[in-house]
Amino acid sequence: MTLAGRAFGDGKISAERDRCVGAGQCVLAAPAVFDQDEEDGLVRVLDERPPVSQSDAVHAAVRACPSGALVLR
């Protein structure tokens, strides 16, 4: 896939794992983009530059995160 087909252009999604509380709301909102680490339960970003089709889900995940650990740049 080319960069033209990416959701956020030059931007990306990242997670501040030290802020994450493991609530899993990001995984529920955007399971193609987020997962939880099996060992500590904290967020893992599966795709830092998700496709356009995931844009609404990623924004929902950012809004749903209770600790503000997700950063959309």
PDB file of N, CA and C in Angstrom:
ATOM      1  N   MET A   1       0.843  -1.182   0.000  1.00  0.00           N
ATOM      2  CA  MET A   1       0.000   0.000   0.000  1.00  0.00           C
ATOM      3  C   MET A   1       0.886   1.241   0.000  1.00  0.00           C
ATOM      4  N   THR A   2       0.509   2.223  -0.779  1.00  0.00           N
ATOM      5  CA  THR A   2       1.275   3.455  -0.855  1.00  0.00           C
ATOM      6  C   THR A   2       0.892   4.392   0.280  1.00  0.00           C
ATOM      7  N   LEU A   3       1.695   5.398   0.483  1.00  0.00           N
ATOM      8  CA  LEU A   3       1.390   6.374   1.532  1.00  0.00           C
ATOM      9  C   LEU A   3       0.093   7.119   1.240  1.00  0.00           C
ATOM     10  N   ALA A   4      -0.276   7.237  -0.035  1.00  0.00           N
ATOM     11  CA  ALA A   4      -1.520   7.934  -0.379  1.00  0.00           C
ATOM     12  C   ALA A   4      -2.735   7.221   0.197  1.00  0.00           C
ATOM     13  N   GLY A   5      -2.625   5.931   0.455  1.00  0.00           N
ATOM     14  CA  GLY A   5      -3.736   5.164   0.995  1.00  0.00           C
ATOM     15  C   GLY A   5      -3.731   5.077   2.505  1.00  0.00           C
ATOM     16  N   ARG A   6      -2.901   5.825   3.154  1.00  0.00           N
ATOM     17  CA  ARG A   6      -2.806   5.771   4.605  1.00  0.00           C
ATOM     18  C   ARG A   6      -3.712   6.808   5.238  1.00  0.00           C
ATOM     19  N   ALA A   7      -4.176   6.535   6.443  1.00  0.00           N
ATOM     20  CA  ALA A   7      -5.190   7.358   7.088  1.00  0.00           C
ATOM     21  C   ALA A   7      -4.698   8.736   7.508  1.00  0.00           C
ATOM     22  N   PHE A   8      -3.525   8.799   7.997  1.00  0.00           N
ATOM     23  CA  PHE A   8      -3.103  10.025   8.660  1.00  0.00           C
ATOM     24  C   PHE A   8      -1.965  10.724   7.933  1.00  0.00           C
ATOM     25  N   GLY A   9      -1.780  10.415   6.658  1.00  0.00           N
ATOM     26  CA  GLY A   9      -0.728  11.071   5.893  1.00  0.00           C
ATOM     27  C   GLY A   9       0.609  10.880   6.549  1.00  0.00           C
ATOM     28  N   ASP A  10       1.214  11.974   6.953  1.00  0.00           N
ATOM     29  CA  ASP A  10       2.521  11.902   7.604  1.00  0.00           C
ATOM     30  C   ASP A  10       2.409  11.665   9.106  1.00  0.00           C
ATOM     31  N   GLY A  11       1.178  11.652   9.634  1.00  0.00           N
ATOM     32  CA  GLY A  11       0.981  11.453  11.062  1.00  0.00           C
ATOM     33  C   GLY A  11       1.004   9.990  11.436  1.00  0.00           C
ATOM     34  N   LYS A  12       0.921   9.752  12.724  1.00  0.00           N
ATOM     35  CA  LYS A  12       0.892   8.364  13.190  1.00  0.00           C
ATOM     36  C   LYS A  12       0.281   8.297  14.582  1.00  0.00           C
ATOM     37  N   ILE A  13      -0.067   7.086  14.974  1.00  0.00           N
ATOM     38  CA  ILE A  13      -0.599   6.822  16.306  1.00  0.00           C
ATOM     39  C   ILE A  13       0.494   6.177  17.138  1.00  0.00           C
ATOM     40  N   SER A  14       0.622   6.611  18.370  1.00  0.00           N
ATOM     41  CA  SER A  14       1.582   5.989  19.280  1.00  0.00           C
ATOM     42  C   SER A  14       0.943   5.870  20.658  1.00  0.00           C
ATOM     43  N   ALA A  15       1.588   5.130  21.518  1.00  0.00           N
ATOM     44  CA  ALA A  15       1.059   4.913  22.868  1.00  0.00           C
ATOM     45  C   ALA A  15       2.147   5.159  23.893  1.00  0.00           C
ATOM     46  N   GLU A  16       1.772   5.832  24.947  1.00  0.00           N
ATOM     47  CA  GLU A  16       2.677   6.049  26.077  1.00  0.00           C
ATOM     48  C   GLU A  16       2.377   4.950  27.087  1.00  0.00           C
ATOM     49  N   ARG A  17       3.133   3.859  26.990  1.00  0.00           N
ATOM     50  CA  ARG A  17       2.856   2.677  27.809  1.00  0.00           C
ATOM     51  C   ARG A  17       2.965   2.965  29.301  1.00  0.00           C
ATOM     52  N   ASP A  18       3.754   3.947  29.693  1.00  0.00           N
ATOM     53  CA  ASP A  18       3.869   4.267  31.116  1.00  0.00           C
ATOM     54  C   ASP A  18       2.597   4.928  31.655  1.00  0.00           C
ATOM     55  N   ARG A  19       1.737   5.426  30.768  1.00  0.00           N
ATOM     56  CA  ARG A  19       0.448   6.007  31.177  1.00  0.00           C
ATOM     57  C   ARG A  19      -0.686   4.998  31.089  1.00  0.00           C
ATOM     58  N   CYS A  20      -0.508   3.937  30.316  1.00  0.00           N
ATOM     59  CA  CYS A  20      -1.560   2.953  30.073  1.00  0.00           C
ATOM     60  C   CYS A  20      -1.944   2.236  31.369  1.00  0.00           C
ATOM     61  N   VAL A  21      -3.263   2.034  31.539  1.00  0.00           N
ATOM     62  CA  VAL A  21      -3.759   1.317  32.716  1.00  0.00           C
ATOM     63  C   VAL A  21      -4.339  -0.050  32.341  1.00  0.00           C
ATOM     64  N   GLY A  22      -4.228  -0.410  31.059  1.00  0.00           N
ATOM     65  CA  GLY A  22      -4.673  -1.729  30.617  1.00  0.00           C
ATOM     66  C   GLY A  22      -6.176  -1.908  30.548  1.00  0.00           C
ATOM     67  N   ALA A  23      -6.928  -0.829  30.370  1.00  0.00           N
ATOM     68  CA  ALA A  23      -8.383  -0.924  30.319  1.00  0.00           C
ATOM     69  C   ALA A  23      -8.878  -1.643  29.064  1.00  0.00           C
ATOM     70  N   GLY A  24      -8.115  -1.599  27.988  1.00  0.00           N
ATOM     71  CA  GLY A  24      -8.462  -2.314  26.771  1.00  0.00           C
ATOM     72  C   GLY A  24      -9.502  -1.648  25.897  1.00  0.00           C
ATOM     73  N   GLN A  25      -9.869  -0.416  26.187  1.00  0.00           N
ATOM     74  CA  GLN A  25     -10.862   0.282  25.370  1.00  0.00           C
ATOM     75  C   GLN A  25     -10.366   0.502  23.948  1.00  0.00           C
ATOM     76  N   CYS A  26      -9.065   0.678  23.784  1.00  0.00           N
ATOM     77  CA  CYS A  26      -8.494   0.864  22.453  1.00  0.00           C
ATOM     78  C   CYS A  26      -8.652  -0.401  21.609  1.00  0.00           C
ATOM     79  N   VAL A  27      -8.465  -1.543  22.231  1.00  0.00           N
ATOM     80  CA  VAL A  27      -8.604  -2.822  21.525  1.00  0.00           C
ATOM     81  C   VAL A  27     -10.051  -3.049  21.113  1.00  0.00           C
ATOM     82  N   LEU A  28     -10.975  -2.693  21.977  1.00  0.00           N
ATOM     83  CA  LEU A  28     -12.388  -2.827  21.638  1.00  0.00           C
ATOM     84  C   LEU A  28     -12.782  -1.901  20.492  1.00  0.00           C
ATOM     85  N   ALA A  29     -12.229  -0.691  20.480  1.00  0.00           N
ATOM     86  CA  ALA A  29     -12.582   0.291  19.453  1.00  0.00           C
ATOM     87  C   ALA A  29     -11.887   0.028  18.120  1.00  0.00           C
ATOM     88  N   ALA A  30     -10.648  -0.430  18.159  1.00  0.00           N
ATOM     89  CA  ALA A  30      -9.863  -0.604  16.926  1.00  0.00           C
ATOM     90  C   ALA A  30      -8.947  -1.821  17.040  1.00  0.00           C
ATOM     91  N   PRO A  31      -9.514  -3.024  17.000  1.00  0.00           N
ATOM     92  CA  PRO A  31      -8.705  -4.233  17.180  1.00  0.00           C
ATOM     93  C   PRO A  31      -7.681  -4.492  16.082  1.00  0.00           C
ATOM     94  N   ALA A  32      -7.833  -3.873  14.928  1.00  0.00           N
ATOM     95  CA  ALA A  32      -6.847  -4.031  13.863  1.00  0.00           C
ATOM     96  C   ALA A  32      -5.618  -3.154  14.093  1.00  0.00           C
ATOM     97  N   VAL A  33      -5.744  -2.198  15.013  1.00  0.00           N
ATOM     98  CA  VAL A  33      -4.665  -1.237  15.245  1.00  0.00           C
ATOM     99  C   VAL A  33      -4.010  -1.428  16.612  1.00  0.00           C
ATOM    100  N   PHE A  34      -4.790  -1.892  17.599  1.00  0.00           N
ATOM    101  CA  PHE A  34      -4.284  -2.020  18.966  1.00  0.00           C
ATOM    102  C   PHE A  34      -4.457  -3.439  19.496  1.00  0.00           C
ATOM    103  N   ASP A  35      -3.578  -3.795  20.415  1.00  0.00           N
ATOM    104  CA  ASP A  35      -3.685  -5.061  21.138  1.00  0.00           C
ATOM    105  C   ASP A  35      -3.162  -4.800  22.540  1.00  0.00           C
ATOM    106  N   GLN A  36      -3.305  -5.802  23.402  1.00  0.00           N
ATOM    107  CA  GLN A  36      -2.750  -5.706  24.743  1.00  0.00           C
ATOM    108  C   GLN A  36      -1.651  -6.737  24.884  1.00  0.00           C
ATOM    109  N   ASP A  37      -0.562  -6.337  25.500  1.00  0.00           N
ATOM    110  CA  ASP A  37       0.569  -7.223  25.735  1.00  0.00           C
ATOM    111  C   ASP A  37       0.135  -8.369  26.632  1.00  0.00           C
ATOM    112  N   GLU A  38       0.490  -9.573  26.275  1.00  0.00           N
ATOM    113  CA  GLU A  38       0.082 -10.747  27.050  1.00  0.00           C
ATOM    114  C   GLU A  38       0.704 -10.782  28.442  1.00  0.00           C
ATOM    115  N   GLU A  39       1.874 -10.195  28.597  1.00  0.00           N
ATOM    116  CA  GLU A  39       2.551 -10.254  29.890  1.00  0.00           C
ATOM    117  C   GLU A  39       2.087  -9.196  30.880  1.00  0.00           C
ATOM    118  N   ASP A  40       1.942  -7.956  30.415  1.00  0.00           N
ATOM    119  CA  ASP A  40       1.589  -6.890  31.369  1.00  0.00           C
ATOM    120  C   ASP A  40       0.226  -6.253  31.102  1.00  0.00           C
ATOM    121  N   GLY A  41      -0.442  -6.634  30.012  1.00  0.00           N
ATOM    122  CA  GLY A  41      -1.770  -6.116  29.715  1.00  0.00           C
ATOM    123  C   GLY A  41      -1.806  -4.711  29.162  1.00  0.00           C
ATOM    124  N   LEU A  42      -0.644  -4.129  28.928  1.00  0.00           N
ATOM    125  CA  LEU A  42      -0.591  -2.757  28.434  1.00  0.00           C
ATOM    126  C   LEU A  42      -0.741  -2.710  26.918  1.00  0.00           C
ATOM    127  N   VAL A  43      -1.120  -1.560  26.421  1.00  0.00           N
ATOM    128  CA  VAL A  43      -1.390  -1.361  25.000  1.00  0.00           C
ATOM    129  C   VAL A  43      -0.156  -1.655  24.135  1.00  0.00           C
ATOM    130  N   ARG A  44      -0.440  -2.251  22.978  1.00  0.00           N
ATOM    131  CA  ARG A  44       0.553  -2.423  21.917  1.00  0.00           C
ATOM    132  C   ARG A  44      -0.060  -1.855  20.650  1.00  0.00           C
ATOM    133  N   VAL A  45       0.679  -1.027  19.947  1.00  0.00           N
ATOM    134  CA  VAL A  45       0.211  -0.479  18.682  1.00  0.00           C
ATOM    135  C   VAL A  45       0.642  -1.446  17.582  1.00  0.00           C
ATOM    136  N   LEU A  46      -0.331  -1.996  16.880  1.00  0.00           N
ATOM    137  CA  LEU A  46      -0.053  -2.958  15.816  1.00  0.00           C
ATOM    138  C   LEU A  46       0.268  -2.278  14.494  1.00  0.00           C
ATOM    139  N   ASP A  47      -0.275  -1.092  14.286  1.00  0.00           N
ATOM    140  CA  ASP A  47      -0.072  -0.367  13.029  1.00  0.00           C
ATOM    141  C   ASP A  47      -0.006   1.122  13.341  1.00  0.00           C
ATOM    142  N   GLU A  48       1.207   1.687  13.330  1.00  0.00           N
ATOM    143  CA  GLU A  48       1.388   3.102  13.660  1.00  0.00           C
ATOM    144  C   GLU A  48       0.776   4.030  12.628  1.00  0.00           C
ATOM    145  N   ARG A  49       0.614   3.540  11.414  1.00  0.00           N
ATOM    146  CA  ARG A  49       0.021   4.333  10.333  1.00  0.00           C
ATOM    147  C   ARG A  49      -1.105   3.515   9.692  1.00  0.00           C
ATOM    148  N   PRO A  50      -2.223   3.420  10.390  1.00  0.00           N
ATOM    149  CA  PRO A  50      -3.320   2.583   9.902  1.00  0.00           C
ATOM    150  C   PRO A  50      -3.955   3.136   8.626  1.00  0.00           C
ATOM    151  N   PRO A  51      -4.621   2.281   7.865  1.00  0.00           N
ATOM    152  CA  PRO A  51      -5.263   2.718   6.623  1.00  0.00           C
ATOM    153  C   PRO A  51      -6.465   3.619   6.898  1.00  0.00           C
ATOM    154  N   VAL A  52      -6.875   4.310   5.871  1.00  0.00           N
ATOM    155  CA  VAL A  52      -8.008   5.234   5.955  1.00  0.00           C
ATOM    156  C   VAL A  52      -9.242   4.545   6.537  1.00  0.00           C
ATOM    157  N   SER A  53      -9.434   3.298   6.215  1.00  0.00           N
ATOM    158  CA  SER A  53     -10.618   2.576   6.693  1.00  0.00           C
ATOM    159  C   SER A  53     -10.665   2.459   8.214  1.00  0.00           C
ATOM    160  N   GLN A  54      -9.551   2.665   8.900  1.00  0.00           N
ATOM    161  CA  GLN A  54      -9.495   2.573  10.355  1.00  0.00           C
ATOM    162  C   GLN A  54      -9.546   3.932  11.049  1.00  0.00           C
ATOM    163  N   SER A  55      -9.668   4.996  10.282  1.00  0.00           N
ATOM    164  CA  SER A  55      -9.609   6.344  10.839  1.00  0.00           C
ATOM    165  C   SER A  55     -10.645   6.582  11.942  1.00  0.00           C
ATOM    166  N   ASP A  56     -11.900   6.264  11.685  1.00  0.00           N
ATOM    167  CA  ASP A  56     -12.945   6.482  12.693  1.00  0.00           C
ATOM    168  C   ASP A  56     -12.687   5.643  13.941  1.00  0.00           C
ATOM    169  N   ALA A  57     -12.264   4.396  13.755  1.00  0.00           N
ATOM    170  CA  ALA A  57     -11.997   3.512  14.883  1.00  0.00           C
ATOM    171  C   ALA A  57     -10.825   4.017  15.723  1.00  0.00           C
ATOM    172  N   VAL A  58      -9.792   4.514  15.063  1.00  0.00           N
ATOM    173  CA  VAL A  58      -8.628   5.036  15.792  1.00  0.00           C
ATOM    174  C   VAL A  58      -9.017   6.271  16.593  1.00  0.00           C
ATOM    175  N   HIS A  59      -9.776   7.155  15.991  1.00  0.00           N
ATOM    176  CA  HIS A  59     -10.216   8.347  16.722  1.00  0.00           C
ATOM    177  C   HIS A  59     -11.095   7.959  17.915  1.00  0.00           C
ATOM    178  N   ALA A  60     -11.938   6.970  17.732  1.00  0.00           N
ATOM    179  CA  ALA A  60     -12.777   6.491  18.838  1.00  0.00           C
ATOM    180  C   ALA A  60     -11.911   5.911  19.958  1.00  0.00           C
ATOM    181  N   ALA A  61     -10.873   5.194  19.589  1.00  0.00           N
ATOM    182  CA  ALA A  61      -9.970   4.609  20.588  1.00  0.00           C
ATOM    183  C   ALA A  61      -9.254   5.695  21.388  1.00  0.00           C
ATOM    184  N   VAL A  62      -8.810   6.717  20.704  1.00  0.00           N
ATOM    185  CA  VAL A  62      -8.129   7.831  21.380  1.00  0.00           C
ATOM    186  C   VAL A  62      -9.079   8.491  22.378  1.00  0.00           C
ATOM    187  N   ARG A  63     -10.313   8.720  21.961  1.00  0.00           N
ATOM    188  CA  ARG A  63     -11.304   9.343  22.856  1.00  0.00           C
ATOM    189  C   ARG A  63     -11.663   8.431  24.030  1.00  0.00           C
ATOM    190  N   ALA A  64     -11.678   7.124  23.808  1.00  0.00           N
ATOM    191  CA  ALA A  64     -12.098   6.175  24.845  1.00  0.00           C
ATOM    192  C   ALA A  64     -11.013   5.843  25.861  1.00  0.00           C
ATOM    193  N   CYS A  65      -9.785   6.157  25.557  1.00  0.00           N
ATOM    194  CA  CYS A  65      -8.682   5.789  26.455  1.00  0.00           C
ATOM    195  C   CYS A  65      -8.798   6.554  27.782  1.00  0.00           C
ATOM    196  N   PRO A  66      -9.021   5.840  28.894  1.00  0.00           N
ATOM    197  CA  PRO A  66      -9.227   6.519  30.174  1.00  0.00           C
ATOM    198  C   PRO A  66      -7.975   7.191  30.739  1.00  0.00           C
ATOM    199  N   SER A  67      -6.813   6.767  30.284  1.00  0.00           N
ATOM    200  CA  SER A  67      -5.587   7.337  30.836  1.00  0.00           C
ATOM    201  C   SER A  67      -4.926   8.338  29.898  1.00  0.00           C
ATOM    202  N   GLY A  68      -5.465   8.509  28.694  1.00  0.00           N
ATOM    203  CA  GLY A  68      -4.859   9.435  27.747  1.00  0.00           C
ATOM    204  C   GLY A  68      -3.531   8.940  27.220  1.00  0.00           C
ATOM    205  N   ALA A  69      -3.361   7.630  27.151  1.00  0.00           N
ATOM    206  CA  ALA A  69      -2.075   7.064  26.733  1.00  0.00           C
ATOM    207  C   ALA A  69      -1.867   7.054  25.221  1.00  0.00           C
ATOM    208  N   LEU A  70      -2.928   7.268  24.449  1.00  0.00           N
ATOM    209  CA  LEU A  70      -2.805   7.223  22.995  1.00  0.00           C
ATOM    210  C   LEU A  70      -2.566   8.617  22.455  1.00  0.00           C
ATOM    211  N   VAL A  71      -1.617   8.704  21.524  1.00  0.00           N
ATOM    212  CA  VAL A  71      -1.236   9.996  20.950  1.00  0.00           C
ATOM    213  C   VAL A  71      -1.369   9.903  19.446  1.00  0.00           C
ATOM    214  N   LEU A  72      -2.153  10.799  18.881  1.00  0.00           N
ATOM    215  CA  LEU A  72      -2.352  10.869  17.438  1.00  0.00           C
ATOM    216  C   LEU A  72      -1.627  12.110  16.939  1.00  0.00           C
ATOM    217  N   ARG A  73      -0.627  11.888  16.096  1.00  0.00           N
ATOM    218  CA  ARG A  73       0.183  13.030  15.592  1.00  0.00           C
ATOM    219  C   ARG A  73       0.051  13.131  14.107  1.00  0.00           C
TER     220      ARG A  73
END
